[in-house]
C-alpha atoms as a PDB file:
ATOM      1  CA  MET A   1       0.881 -11.724  -5.113  1.00  0.00           C
ATOM      2  CA  ASN A   2      -0.406 -10.366  -1.801  1.00  0.00           C
ATOM      3  CA  SER A   3      -3.957  -9.123  -1.278  1.00  0.00           C
ATOM      4  CA  SER A   4      -3.083  -5.421  -1.582  1.00  0.00           C
ATOM      5  CA  GLY A   5      -1.294  -6.047  -4.893  1.00  0.00           C
ATOM      6  CA  ARG A   6      -4.233  -8.071  -6.124  1.00  0.00           C
ATOM      7  CA  ALA A   7      -6.653  -5.314  -5.075  1.00  0.00           C
ATOM      8  CA  THR A   8      -4.588  -2.718  -6.932  1.00  0.00           C
ATOM      9  CA  LEU A   9      -4.503  -4.899 -10.031  1.00  0.00           C
ATOM     10  CA  PHE A  10      -8.285  -5.384  -9.924  1.00  0.00           C
ATOM     11  CA  PHE A  11      -8.826  -1.655  -9.379  1.00  0.00           C
ATOM     12  CA  VAL A  12      -6.662  -0.651 -12.345  1.00  0.00           C
ATOM     13  CA  SER A  13      -8.208  -3.374 -14.520  1.00  0.00           C
ATOM     14  CA  GLY A  14     -11.707  -2.277 -13.585  1.00  0.00           C
ATOM     15  CA  LEU A  15     -10.828   1.344 -14.227  1.00  0.00           C
ATOM     16  CA  GLY A  16      -9.527   0.503 -17.704  1.00  0.00           C
ATOM     17  CA  LEU A  17     -12.505  -1.714 -18.532  1.00  0.00           C
ATOM     18  CA  GLY A  18     -14.971   0.904 -17.319  1.00  0.00           C
ATOM     19  CA  LEU A  19     -13.225   3.623 -19.269  1.00  0.00           C
ATOM     20  CA  GLY A  20     -13.259   1.518 -22.445  1.00  0.00           C
ATOM     21  CA  LEU A  21     -16.937   0.627 -22.105  1.00  0.00           C
ATOM     22  CA  GLY A  22     -17.771   4.221 -21.284  1.00  0.00           C
ATOM     23  CA  LEU A  23     -16.084   5.426 -24.445  1.00  0.00           C
ATOM     24  CA  LEU A  24     -17.743   2.728 -26.512  1.00  0.00           C
ATOM     25  CA  PHE A  25     -21.274   3.427 -25.325  1.00  0.00           C
ATOM     26  CA  ALA A  26     -20.967   7.135 -24.568  1.00  0.00           C
ATOM     27  CA  PRO A  27     -24.154   9.122 -25.238  1.00  0.00           C
ATOM     28  CA  LYS A  28     -22.154  12.352 -25.090  1.00  0.00           C
ATOM     29  CA  SER A  29     -20.102  14.192 -27.676  1.00  0.00           C
ATOM     30  CA  GLY A  30     -16.442  13.387 -28.178  1.00  0.00           C
ATOM     31  CA  GLU A  31     -15.278  16.455 -26.263  1.00  0.00           C
ATOM     32  CA  GLU A  32     -17.561  15.707 -23.317  1.00  0.00           C
ATOM     33  CA  THR A  33     -16.509  12.061 -23.327  1.00  0.00           C
ATOM     34  CA  ARG A  34     -12.809  12.978 -23.347  1.00  0.00           C
ATOM     35  CA  LYS A  35     -13.339  15.358 -20.416  1.00  0.00           C
ATOM     36  CA  TRP A  36     -15.207  12.629 -18.528  1.00  0.00           C
ATOM     37  CA  ALA A  37     -12.457  10.101 -19.282  1.00  0.00           C
ATOM     38  CA  ARG A  38      -9.788  12.560 -18.130  1.00  0.00           C
ATOM     39  CA  ASP A  39     -11.716  13.245 -14.899  1.00  0.00           C
ATOM     40  CA  VAL A  40     -12.122   9.517 -14.212  1.00  0.00           C
ATOM     41  CA  ALA A  41      -8.421   8.889 -14.872  1.00  0.00           C
ATOM     42  CA  GLU A  42      -7.393  11.767 -12.586  1.00  0.00           C
ATOM     43  CA  GLU A  43      -9.645  10.483  -9.809  1.00  0.00           C
ATOM     44  CA  GLY A  44      -8.186   6.995 -10.233  1.00  0.00           C
ATOM     45  CA  GLU A  45      -4.682   8.438 -10.012  1.00  0.00           C
ATOM     46  CA  LYS A  46      -5.595  10.308  -6.808  1.00  0.00           C
ATOM     47  CA  ARG A  47      -6.987   7.104  -5.285  1.00  0.00           C
ATOM     48  CA  LEU A  48      -3.866   5.162  -6.200  1.00  0.00           C
ATOM     49  CA  ARG A  49      -1.652   7.849  -4.683  1.00  0.00           C
ATOM     50  CA  ARG A  50      -3.686   7.846  -1.454  1.00  0.00           C
ATOM     51  CA  TYR A  51      -3.538   4.058  -1.362  1.00  0.00           C
ATOM     52  CA  GLY A  52       0.221   4.164  -1.948  1.00  0.00           C
ATOM     53  CA  ARG A  53       0.762   6.712   0.824  1.00  0.00           C
ATOM     54  CA  ARG A  54      -1.321   4.630   3.246  1.00  0.00           C
ATOM     55  CA  SER A  55       0.622   1.505   2.298  1.00  0.00           C
ATOM     56  CA  ILE A  56       3.948   3.250   2.877  1.00  0.00           C
ATOM     57  CA  ASP A  57       2.764   4.565   6.251  1.00  0.00           C
ATOM     58  CA  GLN A  58       1.692   1.048   7.256  1.00  0.00           C
ATOM     59  CA  LEU A  59       5.040  -0.335   6.133  1.00  0.00           C
ATOM     60  CA  TYR A  60       6.883   2.213   8.283  1.00  0.00           C
ATOM     61  CA  GLU A  61       4.744   1.177  11.274  1.00  0.00           C
ATOM     62  CA  VAL A  62       5.555  -2.504  10.707  1.00  0.00           C
ATOM     63  CA  VAL A  63       9.278  -1.770  10.381  1.00  0.00           C
ATOM     64  CA  ASP A  64       9.254   0.374  13.540  1.00  0.00           C
ATOM     65  CA  SER A  65       7.431  -2.355  15.437  1.00  0.00           C
ATOM     66  CA  GLY A  66       9.897  -4.963  14.171  1.00  0.00           C
ATOM     67  CA  GLU A  67      12.873  -2.828  15.202  1.00  0.00           C
ATOM     68  CA  LYS A  68      11.449  -2.473  18.717  1.00  0.00           C
ATOM     69  CA  LYS A  69      10.902  -6.225  19.006  1.00  0.00           C
ATOM     70  CA  VAL A  70      14.419  -7.017  17.799  1.00  0.00           C
ATOM     71  CA  ALA A  71      15.941  -4.454  20.179  1.00  0.00           C
ATOM     72  CA  SER A  72      13.941  -5.937  23.037  1.00  0.00           C
ATOM     73  CA  ALA A  73      15.061  -9.459  22.149  1.00  0.00           C
ATOM     74  CA  PHE A  74      18.733  -8.355  22.073  1.00  0.00           C
ATOM     75  CA  LYS A  75      18.351  -6.620  25.437  1.00  0.00           C
ATOM     76  CA  THR A  76      16.745  -9.716  26.949  1.00  0.00           C
ATOM     77  CA  GLY A  77      19.543 -11.868  25.531  1.00  0.00           C
ATOM     78  CA  ARG A  78      22.194  -9.537  26.909  1.00  0.00           C
ATOM     79  CA  ASP A  79      20.499  -9.510  30.325  1.00  0.00           C
ATOM     80  CA  VAL A  80      20.455 -13.311  30.361  1.00  0.00           C
ATOM     81  CA  LEU A  81      24.131 -13.492  29.359  1.00  0.00           C
ATOM     82  CA  ASP A  82      25.054 -10.955  32.037  1.00  0.00           C
ATOM     83  CA  SER A  83      23.147 -12.960  34.632  1.00  0.00           C
ATOM     84  CA  VAL A  84      24.864 -16.214  33.628  1.00  0.00           C
ATOM     85  CA  ALA A  85      28.259 -14.488  33.606  1.00  0.00           C
ATOM     86  CA  GLU A  86      27.677 -13.189  37.140  1.00  0.00           C
ATOM     87  CA  LYS A  87      26.782 -16.676  38.394  1.00  0.00           C
ATOM     88  CA  LEU A  88      29.835 -18.197  36.718  1.00  0.00           C
ATOM     89  CA  GLY A  89      32.278 -15.514  37.607  1.00  0.00           C
END
Protein backbone atom coordinates (compact mmCIF):
# COMPACT_ATOMS: atom_id res chain seq x y z
CA MET A 1 0.00 0.00 0.00
CA ASN A 2 1.43 3.39 -0.95
CA SER A 3 1.69 6.31 1.47
CA SER A 4 -1.41 8.12 0.18
CA GLY A 5 -3.50 4.94 0.57
CA ARG A 6 -2.12 4.44 4.04
CA ALA A 7 -2.90 8.06 4.95
CA THR A 8 -6.47 7.66 3.71
CA LEU A 9 -6.88 4.47 5.70
CA PHE A 10 -5.57 6.14 8.87
CA PHE A 11 -7.82 9.16 8.29
CA VAL A 12 -10.96 7.05 7.87
CA SER A 13 -10.00 4.85 10.83
CA GLY A 14 -9.39 7.88 13.01
CA LEU A 15 -12.65 9.43 11.91
CA GLY A 16 -14.57 6.28 12.83
CA LEU A 17 -12.78 5.89 16.17
CA GLY A 18 -13.34 9.54 17.05
CA LEU A 19 -16.99 9.33 16.10
CA GLY A 20 -17.48 6.20 18.21
CA LEU A 21 -15.75 7.69 21.25
CA GLY A 22 -17.65 10.92 20.80
CA LEU A 23 -20.95 9.08 20.84
CA LEU A 24 -19.92 7.01 23.83
CA PHE A 25 -18.84 9.94 25.98
CA ALA A 26 -21.14 12.63 24.60
CA PRO A 27 -22.27 15.18 27.20
CA LYS A 28 -25.01 16.35 24.83
CA SER A 29 -28.49 15.06 24.13
CA GLY A 30 -29.08 12.38 21.53
CA GLU A 31 -30.37 14.86 18.96
CA GLU A 32 -27.40 17.18 19.44
CA THR A 33 -24.99 14.26 19.29
CA ARG A 34 -26.54 12.96 16.06
CA LYS A 35 -26.27 16.42 14.49
CA TRP A 36 -22.63 16.64 15.58
CA ALA A 37 -21.91 13.17 14.20
CA ARG A 38 -23.59 14.05 10.90
CA ASP A 39 -21.57 17.29 10.66
CA VAL A 40 -18.31 15.44 11.37
CA ALA A 41 -19.14 12.78 8.78
CA GLU A 42 -20.02 15.41 6.15
CA GLU A 43 -16.78 17.27 6.81
CA GLY A 44 -14.84 14.01 6.51
CA GLU A 45 -16.57 13.28 3.21
CA LYS A 46 -15.67 16.76 1.91
CA ARG A 47 -12.03 16.23 2.89
CA LEU A 48 -11.93 12.85 1.18
CA ARG A 49 -13.44 14.33 -1.98
CA ARG A 50 -10.89 17.17 -2.00
CA TYR A 51 -8.10 14.67 -1.43
CA GLY A 52 -9.43 12.49 -4.25
CA ARG A 53 -9.64 15.42 -6.66
CA ARG A 54 -6.08 16.48 -5.80
CA SER A 55 -4.86 12.92 -6.29
CA ILE A 56 -6.54 12.68 -9.69
CA ASP A 57 -5.06 16.03 -10.75
CA GLN A 58 -1.60 14.84 -9.70
CA LEU A 59 -2.09 11.60 -11.60
CA TYR A 60 -3.00 13.52 -14.76
CA GLU A 61 0.17 15.61 -14.36
CA VAL A 62 2.31 12.47 -14.01
CA VAL A 63 0.69 10.87 -17.06
CA ASP A 64 1.15 14.04 -19.13
CA SER A 65 4.79 14.25 -18.08
CA GLY A 66 5.31 10.58 -18.94
CA GLU A 67 3.71 11.03 -22.36
CA LYS A 68 6.04 13.95 -23.11
CA LYS A 69 9.10 11.94 -22.07
CA VAL A 70 8.08 8.95 -24.19
CA ALA A 71 7.37 11.18 -27.20
CA SER A 72 10.76 12.83 -26.76
CA ALA A 73 12.50 9.46 -26.53
CA PHE A 74 10.78 8.26 -29.74
CA LYS A 75 11.76 11.47 -31.54
CA THR A 76 15.37 11.11 -30.40
CA GLY A 77 15.38 7.48 -31.54
CA ARG A 78 13.94 8.42 -34.92
CA ASP A 79 16.51 11.21 -35.32
CA VAL A 80 19.32 8.77 -34.55
CA LEU A 81 17.95 6.21 -37.03
CA ASP A 82 17.59 8.90 -39.70
CA SER A 83 21.17 10.01 -39.10
CA VAL A 84 22.50 6.44 -39.35
CA ALA A 85 20.43 5.82 -42.49
CA GLU A 86 21.88 8.95 -44.12
CA LYS A 87 25.44 7.82 -43.35
CA LEU A 88 24.77 4.33 -44.70
CA GLY A 89 22.80 5.33 -47.71
